Protein backbone atom coordinates (compact mmCIF):
# COMPACT_ATOMS: atom_id res chain seq x y z
CA UNK A 1 99.93 72.00 131.41
CA UNK A 2 97.07 70.97 133.65
CA UNK A 3 94.20 69.72 131.52
CA UNK A 4 91.24 71.73 132.79
CA UNK A 5 88.67 70.33 130.32
CA UNK A 6 89.31 66.61 130.61
CA UNK A 7 86.28 64.44 129.70
CA UNK A 8 84.29 67.46 128.50
CA UNK A 9 82.76 67.91 125.08
CA UNK A 10 82.79 71.14 123.12
CA UNK A 11 81.24 72.46 119.92
CA UNK A 12 83.11 75.32 118.24
CA UNK A 13 81.28 76.76 115.26
CA UNK A 14 83.56 78.05 112.53
CA UNK A 15 86.39 76.11 114.12
CA UNK A 16 88.38 75.33 110.98
CA UNK A 17 90.36 78.58 110.85
CA UNK A 18 91.23 81.79 112.64
CA UNK A 19 89.96 82.39 116.14
CA UNK A 20 87.70 79.33 116.04
CA UNK A 21 90.56 77.02 115.17
CA UNK A 22 92.75 78.46 117.93
CA UNK A 23 89.93 77.88 120.43
CA UNK A 24 89.33 74.33 119.18
CA UNK A 25 93.04 73.50 119.44
CA UNK A 26 93.29 75.01 122.93
CA UNK A 27 90.23 73.13 124.20
CA UNK A 28 91.65 69.88 122.81
CA UNK A 29 94.98 70.50 124.55
CA UNK A 30 93.01 71.06 127.74
CA UNK A 31 91.46 67.59 127.34
CA UNK A 32 88.11 68.23 125.67
CA UNK A 33 86.65 66.28 122.78
CA UNK A 34 86.02 69.00 120.21
CA UNK A 35 83.50 69.14 117.39
CA UNK A 36 84.24 71.96 114.99
CA UNK A 37 82.14 73.16 112.10
CA UNK A 38 83.13 74.46 108.69
CA UNK A 39 81.17 75.79 105.76
CA UNK A 40 83.03 75.57 102.45
CA UNK A 41 86.55 74.40 103.24
CA UNK A 42 86.54 70.72 104.14
CA UNK A 43 90.27 70.73 103.52
CA UNK A 44 90.78 73.40 106.17
CA UNK A 45 88.61 71.50 108.64
CA UNK A 46 90.45 68.25 107.99
CA UNK A 47 93.74 70.06 108.52
CA UNK A 48 92.53 71.45 111.86
CA UNK A 49 91.37 68.02 113.03
CA UNK A 50 94.65 66.44 111.92
CA UNK A 51 96.66 69.05 113.84
CA UNK A 52 94.62 68.43 116.98
CA UNK A 53 95.00 64.67 116.72
CA UNK A 54 98.73 64.94 116.00
CA UNK A 55 99.06 66.87 119.27
CA UNK A 56 97.27 64.06 121.11
CA UNK A 57 93.80 65.59 121.19
CA UNK A 58 90.39 64.41 120.03
CA UNK A 59 88.34 66.26 117.41
CA UNK A 60 86.03 65.86 114.43
CA UNK A 61 84.49 68.19 111.87
CA UNK A 62 80.91 68.74 110.72
CA UNK A 63 79.76 70.80 107.75
CA UNK A 64 77.28 73.58 108.51
CA UNK A 65 75.93 76.55 106.58
CA UNK A 66 74.78 79.10 109.13
CA UNK A 67 73.04 81.30 106.59
CA UNK A 68 70.24 78.69 106.73
CA UNK A 69 68.80 78.54 110.25
CA UNK A 70 66.49 75.68 109.28
CA UNK A 71 69.54 73.43 108.81
CA UNK A 72 70.77 73.82 112.39
CA UNK A 73 68.67 70.98 113.90
CA UNK A 74 70.23 68.61 111.36
CA UNK A 75 73.69 69.72 112.49
CA UNK A 76 72.83 68.72 116.03
CA UNK A 77 71.45 65.37 114.97
CA UNK A 78 74.79 64.63 113.30
CA UNK A 79 76.60 65.92 116.39
CA UNK A 80 74.47 63.63 118.58
CA UNK A 81 75.40 60.59 116.55
CA UNK A 82 79.11 61.31 116.57
CA UNK A 83 79.30 62.19 120.27
CA UNK A 84 77.32 59.07 121.15
CA UNK A 85 79.68 56.97 119.07
CA UNK A 86 82.77 58.49 120.63
CA UNK A 87 81.64 59.21 124.19
CA UNK A 88 78.54 57.10 124.74
CA UNK A 89 76.43 60.23 125.31
CA UNK A 90 75.22 63.21 123.29
CA UNK A 91 75.74 65.53 126.26
CA UNK A 92 77.50 68.79 125.43
CA UNK A 93 79.50 70.77 128.01
CA UNK A 94 80.78 73.79 126.08
CA UNK A 95 79.37 75.73 123.15
CA UNK A 96 81.34 78.43 121.33
CA UNK A 97 79.40 80.54 118.83
CA UNK A 98 82.24 81.72 116.64
CA UNK A 99 81.17 81.19 113.00
CA UNK A 100 81.16 84.38 111.00
CA UNK A 101 81.43 85.86 107.54
CA UNK A 102 83.30 88.94 106.41
CA UNK A 103 81.56 91.98 105.10
CA UNK A 104 82.39 95.65 105.14
CA UNK A 105 79.22 96.94 103.51
CA UNK A 106 78.46 100.50 104.51
CA UNK A 107 75.44 102.74 104.30
CA UNK A 108 75.97 103.57 100.62
CA UNK A 109 76.62 100.09 99.21
CA UNK A 110 74.73 97.63 101.43
CA UNK A 111 71.88 95.60 99.95
CA UNK A 112 69.06 93.72 101.64
CA UNK A 113 70.86 90.50 100.71
CA UNK A 114 74.18 91.47 102.29
CA UNK A 115 72.37 92.84 105.35
CA UNK A 116 70.30 89.69 105.84
CA UNK A 117 73.27 87.36 105.30
CA UNK A 118 75.38 89.20 107.86
CA UNK A 119 72.62 89.08 110.46
CA UNK A 120 71.77 85.47 109.66
CA UNK A 121 75.31 84.32 110.44
CA UNK A 122 76.35 86.68 113.23
CA UNK A 123 73.05 87.10 115.10
CA UNK A 124 70.45 84.58 113.93
CA UNK A 125 72.66 81.50 113.88
CA UNK A 126 73.92 81.85 117.49
CA UNK A 127 70.31 82.19 118.67
CA UNK A 128 69.15 79.05 116.89
CA UNK A 129 72.32 77.13 117.74
CA UNK A 130 71.64 77.76 121.43
CA UNK A 131 68.00 76.81 120.90
CA UNK A 132 69.09 73.40 119.62
CA UNK A 133 71.94 73.06 122.11
CA UNK A 134 70.08 73.94 125.31
CA UNK A 135 68.55 70.53 125.96
CA UNK A 136 71.89 68.87 125.24
CA UNK A 137 73.97 71.20 127.40
CA UNK A 138 74.96 69.81 130.77
CA UNK A 139 73.94 71.71 133.89
CA UNK A 140 76.94 73.81 134.80
CA UNK A 141 77.90 74.07 131.13
CA UNK A 142 79.40 77.00 129.27
CA UNK A 143 78.30 79.17 126.35
CA UNK A 144 80.88 81.52 124.87
CA UNK A 145 79.82 83.92 122.13
CA UNK A 146 82.47 85.56 119.99
CA UNK A 147 81.46 89.18 119.65
CA UNK A 148 83.67 92.10 118.63
CA UNK A 149 84.91 95.38 119.99
CA UNK A 150 82.85 96.81 117.13
CA UNK A 151 79.73 95.71 118.99
CA UNK A 152 80.66 98.20 121.70
CA UNK A 153 82.35 100.90 119.60
CA UNK A 154 80.77 100.65 116.14
CA UNK A 155 82.90 101.05 113.01
CA UNK A 156 81.29 103.47 110.56
CA UNK A 157 82.80 101.49 107.65
CA UNK A 158 81.06 98.31 108.85
CA UNK A 159 77.73 99.31 110.38
CA UNK A 160 75.94 96.02 109.64
CA UNK A 161 78.71 93.94 111.22
CA UNK A 162 78.76 96.29 114.21
CA UNK A 163 74.99 96.04 114.62
CA UNK A 164 75.08 92.25 114.43
CA UNK A 165 77.80 92.01 117.06
CA UNK A 166 75.85 94.37 119.33
CA UNK A 167 72.97 91.89 118.99
CA UNK A 168 75.26 89.12 120.26
CA UNK A 169 76.04 91.18 123.34
CA UNK A 170 72.36 91.60 124.09
CA UNK A 171 71.70 87.89 123.48
CA UNK A 172 74.51 87.02 125.90
CA UNK A 173 72.79 88.90 128.71
CA UNK A 174 69.40 87.39 127.92
CA UNK A 175 70.73 83.83 127.82
CA UNK A 176 72.66 84.29 131.06
CA UNK A 177 69.41 85.12 132.82
CA UNK A 178 67.45 82.28 131.25
CA UNK A 179 70.08 79.58 131.74
CA UNK A 180 71.44 80.76 135.08
CA UNK A 181 69.13 78.47 137.11
CA UNK A 182 70.92 75.53 135.45
CA UNK A 183 74.31 77.03 136.45
CA UNK A 184 75.17 77.48 132.77
CA UNK A 185 77.38 80.53 132.30
CA UNK A 186 77.01 82.68 129.19
CA UNK A 187 79.67 85.19 128.24
CA UNK A 188 80.93 86.97 125.16
CA UNK A 189 84.49 87.67 124.11
CA UNK A 190 84.91 90.87 122.11
CA UNK A 191 88.20 90.76 120.19
CA UNK A 192 89.90 93.85 118.85
CA UNK A 193 92.25 93.66 115.88
CA UNK A 194 93.39 90.02 115.63
CA UNK A 195 95.57 88.54 112.87
CA UNK A 196 92.99 86.59 110.86
CA UNK A 197 91.99 86.20 107.24
CA UNK A 198 89.11 88.61 107.78
CA UNK A 199 91.41 91.62 108.14
CA UNK A 200 94.26 90.50 105.87
CA UNK A 201 93.64 93.40 103.48
CA UNK A 202 93.92 95.90 106.33
CA UNK A 203 97.23 94.43 107.43
CA UNK A 204 98.62 94.81 103.92
CA UNK A 205 98.42 98.58 104.39
CA UNK A 206 101.45 99.68 106.47
CA UNK A 207 99.87 103.01 107.35
CA UNK A 208 96.73 101.32 108.67
CA UNK A 209 98.82 98.91 110.71
CA UNK A 210 100.73 101.81 112.29
CA UNK A 211 97.49 103.59 113.18
CA UNK A 212 95.97 100.48 114.75
CA UNK A 213 99.10 99.65 116.72
CA UNK A 214 99.39 103.26 117.89
CA UNK A 215 95.78 103.15 119.09
CA UNK A 216 96.35 99.90 120.99
CA UNK A 217 97.76 100.24 124.52
CA UNK A 218 99.86 97.08 124.19
CA UNK A 219 101.15 98.20 120.81
CA UNK A 220 100.44 95.25 118.53
CA UNK A 221 97.83 93.24 116.66
CA UNK A 222 96.38 90.43 118.74
CA UNK A 223 96.98 86.78 117.96
CA UNK A 224 94.29 84.10 117.84
CA UNK A 225 95.88 82.43 120.88
CA UNK A 226 95.17 85.61 122.87
CA UNK A 227 91.46 84.95 122.39
CA UNK A 228 91.74 81.19 122.91
CA UNK A 229 93.36 81.73 126.31
CA UNK A 230 90.38 83.74 127.53
CA UNK A 231 87.95 81.20 126.08
CA UNK A 232 89.77 78.39 127.93
CA UNK A 233 89.44 80.28 131.21
CA UNK A 234 85.72 80.87 130.70
CA UNK A 235 85.20 77.21 129.78
CA UNK A 236 87.06 75.93 132.82
CA UNK A 237 86.05 75.63 136.46
CA UNK A 238 87.94 78.85 137.16
CA UNK A 239 85.31 80.71 135.13
CA UNK A 240 82.36 79.35 137.10
CA UNK A 241 81.41 82.71 138.70
CA UNK A 242 81.64 84.77 135.52
CA UNK A 243 78.45 85.17 133.51
CA UNK A 244 76.63 87.80 131.43
CA UNK A 245 79.93 89.55 130.70
CA UNK A 246 81.18 91.11 127.47
CA UNK A 247 84.93 90.75 127.86
CA UNK A 248 86.87 92.92 125.46
CA UNK A 249 90.17 91.28 124.51
CA UNK A 250 91.80 93.98 122.41
CA UNK A 251 95.08 94.87 124.07
CA UNK A 252 93.50 98.16 125.07
CA UNK A 253 92.30 99.40 121.68
CA UNK A 254 90.92 102.95 121.56
CA UNK A 255 91.13 103.56 125.30
């Protein structure tokens, strides 16, 4: 495989599992040095880094709690130190805003706390991560936000999550305009139903699985690698003329 990201540096938030881990592993295979963040599971992060290094890639993990926006500058100070140690520069080429938290709170059972936590992680954190990253991002760099098909077609069982992901779509457009003069592209990937821990309970229900697969043109749940492949394209030189796009990667769900 041609290594399209050789000598580049990438930060993947929430990169210790699920979609984030698949993206981190793909970027590393493409030649990038990858920093991935985790919240509670250091063991999971260490496992992801070990897998990347075993495959010949370069990665390291940093702890970050994205419910606390005030802690984000400290994350970047730690990132600066590690990148400088490894690469001789704190310059960042690729940023993936992927970190998330699960939550299916609906209109009847949501609380201000669950609402604020969901928005803090899915909408507030990407904004403040970009705020800290912008002066470190190389001209011609890449920002990839992980949104959701729910940000386009809201799920009535998860209105807060859907609202937060719609916010990411709007932020993607705004950032593309602001950072365009520096040739930094900003796009969002909107996955459909992907096999991750977040929807494990759904996949334990055979009837739900049949309904979802029936409503998907390609007839299956997506895999995390399906998302990572699109992220790798957007991060590479081939994606240089794509910006301000919300790219749904759902296998044709609910067409």
